[in-house]
Amino acid sequence: MRNPLEYSLDLFSGKWNSRILSVLANADNLRYGEIKSRIDNITDAVLAASLKVPISSQMIVRQSYDEIPPKIEYSLSEKGRSIIHIFEMISKWGEKYYVDDDSNSDLNSYLAIN
């Protein structure tokens, strides 16, 4: 059985999950293409797959509008917004201990939280 820490880390660990959540933390509502344009080197297939878990875990709200062409927006839920301060603390910790090894980008731009 997983403990609460493992549950939490599963939700926002991985290469793309924290980036997606961070992008949405800096906007009210974003369409799929807007999310994709704010994350370097993510493919459509990876973004679509990466959105499934945070949506099903109610971290991200997917809002469909009955329009033509179809309009879908994504935003953080209350549950999703509750982790913003955690990301900020992790970012501050990373600023203190981060070592640039030329294969990493700046941690602040990675998290997109200032």
C-alpha atoms as a PDB file:
ATOM      1  CA  MET A   1       0.000   0.000   0.000  1.00  0.00           C
ATOM      2  CA  ARG A   2       1.298   3.457  -0.917  1.00  0.00           C
ATOM      3  CA  ASN A   3       1.781   6.069   1.729  1.00  0.00           C
ATOM      4  CA  PRO A   4       0.737   9.731   1.345  1.00  0.00           C
ATOM      5  CA  LEU A   5       4.239  10.799   0.270  1.00  0.00           C
ATOM      6  CA  GLU A   6       4.338   8.214  -2.534  1.00  0.00           C
ATOM      7  CA  TYR A   7       0.846   9.262  -3.661  1.00  0.00           C
ATOM      8  CA  SER A   8       1.917  12.909  -3.758  1.00  0.00           C
ATOM      9  CA  LEU A   9       5.158  12.270  -5.605  1.00  0.00           C
ATOM     10  CA  ASP A  10       3.365  10.122  -8.181  1.00  0.00           C
ATOM     11  CA  LEU A  11       1.039  13.023  -9.010  1.00  0.00           C
ATOM     12  CA  PHE A  12       3.684  15.617  -9.772  1.00  0.00           C
ATOM     13  CA  SER A  13       6.899  13.756 -10.399  1.00  0.00           C
ATOM     14  CA  GLY A  14       8.222  12.799 -13.787  1.00  0.00           C
ATOM     15  CA  LYS A  15       9.559  14.877 -16.612  1.00  0.00           C
ATOM     16  CA  TRP A  16       6.297  16.508 -17.705  1.00  0.00           C
ATOM     17  CA  ASN A  17       3.809  16.506 -14.803  1.00  0.00           C
ATOM     18  CA  SER A  18       5.433  19.283 -12.790  1.00  0.00           C
ATOM     19  CA  ARG A  19       5.970  21.338 -15.952  1.00  0.00           C
ATOM     20  CA  ILE A  20       2.311  21.074 -16.942  1.00  0.00           C
ATOM     21  CA  LEU A  21       1.126  21.951 -13.441  1.00  0.00           C
ATOM     22  CA  SER A  22       3.559  24.879 -13.287  1.00  0.00           C
ATOM     23  CA  VAL A  23       2.399  26.257 -16.638  1.00  0.00           C
ATOM     24  CA  LEU A  24      -1.214  26.114 -15.467  1.00  0.00           C
ATOM     25  CA  ALA A  25      -0.245  27.733 -12.150  1.00  0.00           C
ATOM     26  CA  ASN A  26       0.706  30.871 -14.070  1.00  0.00           C
ATOM     27  CA  ALA A  27      -2.550  31.172 -16.033  1.00  0.00           C
ATOM     28  CA  ASP A  28      -6.274  31.062 -15.410  1.00  0.00           C
ATOM     29  CA  ASN A  29      -7.356  28.896 -18.345  1.00  0.00           C
ATOM     30  CA  LEU A  30      -5.285  27.574 -21.213  1.00  0.00           C
ATOM     31  CA  ARG A  31      -6.153  25.712 -24.350  1.00  0.00           C
ATOM     32  CA  TYR A  32      -4.184  22.623 -25.347  1.00  0.00           C
ATOM     33  CA  GLY A  33      -2.051  24.500 -27.893  1.00  0.00           C
ATOM     34  CA  GLU A  34      -1.220  27.199 -25.360  1.00  0.00           C
ATOM     35  CA  ILE A  35       0.017  24.604 -22.876  1.00  0.00           C
ATOM     36  CA  LYS A  36       2.070  22.909 -25.595  1.00  0.00           C
ATOM     37  CA  SER A  37       3.639  26.194 -26.728  1.00  0.00           C
ATOM     38  CA  ARG A  38       4.826  26.938 -23.177  1.00  0.00           C
ATOM     39  CA  ILE A  39       6.616  23.607 -22.705  1.00  0.00           C
ATOM     40  CA  ASP A  40       9.750  23.055 -24.763  1.00  0.00           C
ATOM     41  CA  ASN A  41      10.143  19.776 -26.650  1.00  0.00           C
ATOM     42  CA  ILE A  42       6.859  18.137 -25.643  1.00  0.00           C
ATOM     43  CA  THR A  43       5.023  16.241 -28.373  1.00  0.00           C
ATOM     44  CA  ASP A  44       1.253  16.123 -28.834  1.00  0.00           C
ATOM     45  CA  ALA A  45       1.173  12.447 -27.854  1.00  0.00           C
ATOM     46  CA  VAL A  46       3.177  13.027 -24.673  1.00  0.00           C
ATOM     47  CA  LEU A  47       1.129  16.074 -23.656  1.00  0.00           C
ATOM     48  CA  ALA A  48      -2.162  14.260 -24.254  1.00  0.00           C
ATOM     49  CA  ALA A  49      -0.978  11.253 -22.242  1.00  0.00           C
ATOM     50  CA  SER A  50       0.491  13.447 -19.497  1.00  0.00           C
ATOM     51  CA  LEU A  51      -2.779  15.338 -19.004  1.00  0.00           C
ATOM     52  CA  LYS A  52      -4.748  12.159 -18.237  1.00  0.00           C
ATOM     53  CA  VAL A  53      -3.448  11.472 -14.711  1.00  0.00           C
ATOM     54  CA  PRO A  54      -3.770  15.013 -13.314  1.00  0.00           C
ATOM     55  CA  ILE A  55      -7.257  15.282 -14.826  1.00  0.00           C
ATOM     56  CA  SER A  56      -8.370  11.928 -13.410  1.00  0.00           C
ATOM     57  CA  SER A  57      -6.863  12.817 -10.025  1.00  0.00           C
ATOM     58  CA  GLN A  58      -8.727  16.146 -10.103  1.00  0.00           C
ATOM     59  CA  MET A  59      -5.582  18.302 -10.093  1.00  0.00           C
ATOM     60  CA  ILE A  60      -6.544  19.776 -13.473  1.00  0.00           C
ATOM     61  CA  VAL A  61     -10.015  20.702 -14.674  1.00  0.00           C
ATOM     62  CA  ARG A  62     -10.809  20.047 -18.345  1.00  0.00           C
ATOM     63  CA  GLN A  63     -13.678  22.311 -19.442  1.00  0.00           C
ATOM     64  CA  SER A  64     -15.412  21.574 -22.755  1.00  0.00           C
ATOM     65  CA  TYR A  65     -17.542  24.208 -24.448  1.00  0.00           C
ATOM     66  CA  ASP A  66     -20.303  23.354 -26.887  1.00  0.00           C
ATOM     67  CA  GLU A  67     -18.899  25.363 -29.782  1.00  0.00           C
ATOM     68  CA  ILE A  68     -17.762  24.818 -33.322  1.00  0.00           C
ATOM     69  CA  PRO A  69     -14.855  24.459 -33.611  1.00  0.00           C
ATOM     70  CA  PRO A  70     -14.668  22.656 -30.270  1.00  0.00           C
ATOM     71  CA  LYS A  71     -13.185  24.668 -27.429  1.00  0.00           C
ATOM     72  CA  ILE A  72     -11.489  22.953 -24.489  1.00  0.00           C
ATOM     73  CA  GLU A  73      -9.699  24.768 -21.693  1.00  0.00           C
ATOM     74  CA  TYR A  74      -7.539  23.454 -18.882  1.00  0.00           C
ATOM     75  CA  SER A  75      -7.005  25.004 -15.465  1.00  0.00           C
ATOM     76  CA  LEU A  76      -5.839  24.001 -12.023  1.00  0.00           C
ATOM     77  CA  SER A  77      -8.535  22.843  -9.653  1.00  0.00           C
ATOM     78  CA  GLU A  78      -8.529  23.910  -6.023  1.00  0.00           C
ATOM     79  CA  LYS A  79      -6.609  20.701  -5.316  1.00  0.00           C
ATOM     80  CA  GLY A  80      -4.109  21.593  -8.044  1.00  0.00           C
ATOM     81  CA  ARG A  81      -3.695  25.171  -6.817  1.00  0.00           C
ATOM     82  CA  SER A  82      -2.952  23.865  -3.331  1.00  0.00           C
ATOM     83  CA  ILE A  83       0.433  22.540  -4.511  1.00  0.00           C
ATOM     84  CA  ILE A  84       1.709  25.856  -5.888  1.00  0.00           C
ATOM     85  CA  HIS A  85       3.301  26.819  -2.572  1.00  0.00           C
ATOM     86  CA  ILE A  86       4.922  23.366  -2.418  1.00  0.00           C
ATOM     87  CA  PHE A  87       6.470  23.921  -5.866  1.00  0.00           C
ATOM     88  CA  GLU A  88       7.704  27.329  -4.685  1.00  0.00           C
ATOM     89  CA  MET A  89       9.392  25.757  -1.649  1.00  0.00           C
ATOM     90  CA  ILE A  90      10.954  23.010  -3.781  1.00  0.00           C
ATOM     91  CA  SER A  91      12.170  25.680  -6.215  1.00  0.00           C
ATOM     92  CA  LYS A  92      13.811  27.640  -3.385  1.00  0.00           C
ATOM     93  CA  TRP A  93      15.463  24.447  -2.150  1.00  0.00           C
ATOM     94  CA  GLY A  94      16.656  23.759  -5.704  1.00  0.00           C
ATOM     95  CA  GLU A  95      18.098  27.270  -6.022  1.00  0.00           C
ATOM     96  CA  LYS A  96      20.191  26.587  -2.945  1.00  0.00           C
ATOM     97  CA  TYR A  97      21.472  23.149  -3.975  1.00  0.00           C
ATOM     98  CA  TYR A  98      21.195  23.116  -7.780  1.00  0.00           C
ATOM     99  CA  VAL A  99      24.420  22.458  -9.681  1.00  0.00           C
ATOM    100  CA  ASP A 100      24.478  23.262 -13.399  1.00  0.00           C
ATOM    101  CA  ASP A 101      25.943  20.281 -15.225  1.00  0.00           C
ATOM    102  CA  ASP A 102      25.294  21.740 -18.712  1.00  0.00           C
ATOM    103  CA  SER A 103      22.542  19.169 -19.344  1.00  0.00           C
ATOM    104  CA  ASN A 104      19.985  20.941 -17.129  1.00  0.00           C
ATOM    105  CA  SER A 105      18.113  24.151 -17.751  1.00  0.00           C
ATOM    106  CA  ASP A 106      17.560  26.785 -15.099  1.00  0.00           C
ATOM    107  CA  LEU A 107      15.355  25.348 -12.350  1.00  0.00           C
ATOM    108  CA  ASN A 108      13.169  28.456 -12.190  1.00  0.00           C
ATOM    109  CA  SER A 109      12.343  28.258 -15.883  1.00  0.00           C
ATOM    110  CA  TYR A 110      11.699  24.531 -15.464  1.00  0.00           C
ATOM    111  CA  LEU A 111       9.173  25.161 -12.742  1.00  0.00           C
ATOM    112  CA  ALA A 112       8.021  28.476 -14.241  1.00  0.00           C
ATOM    113  CA  ILE A 113       7.285  29.797 -10.784  1.00  0.00           C
ATOM    114  CA  ASN A 114       8.769  33.052  -9.557  1.00  0.00           C
END
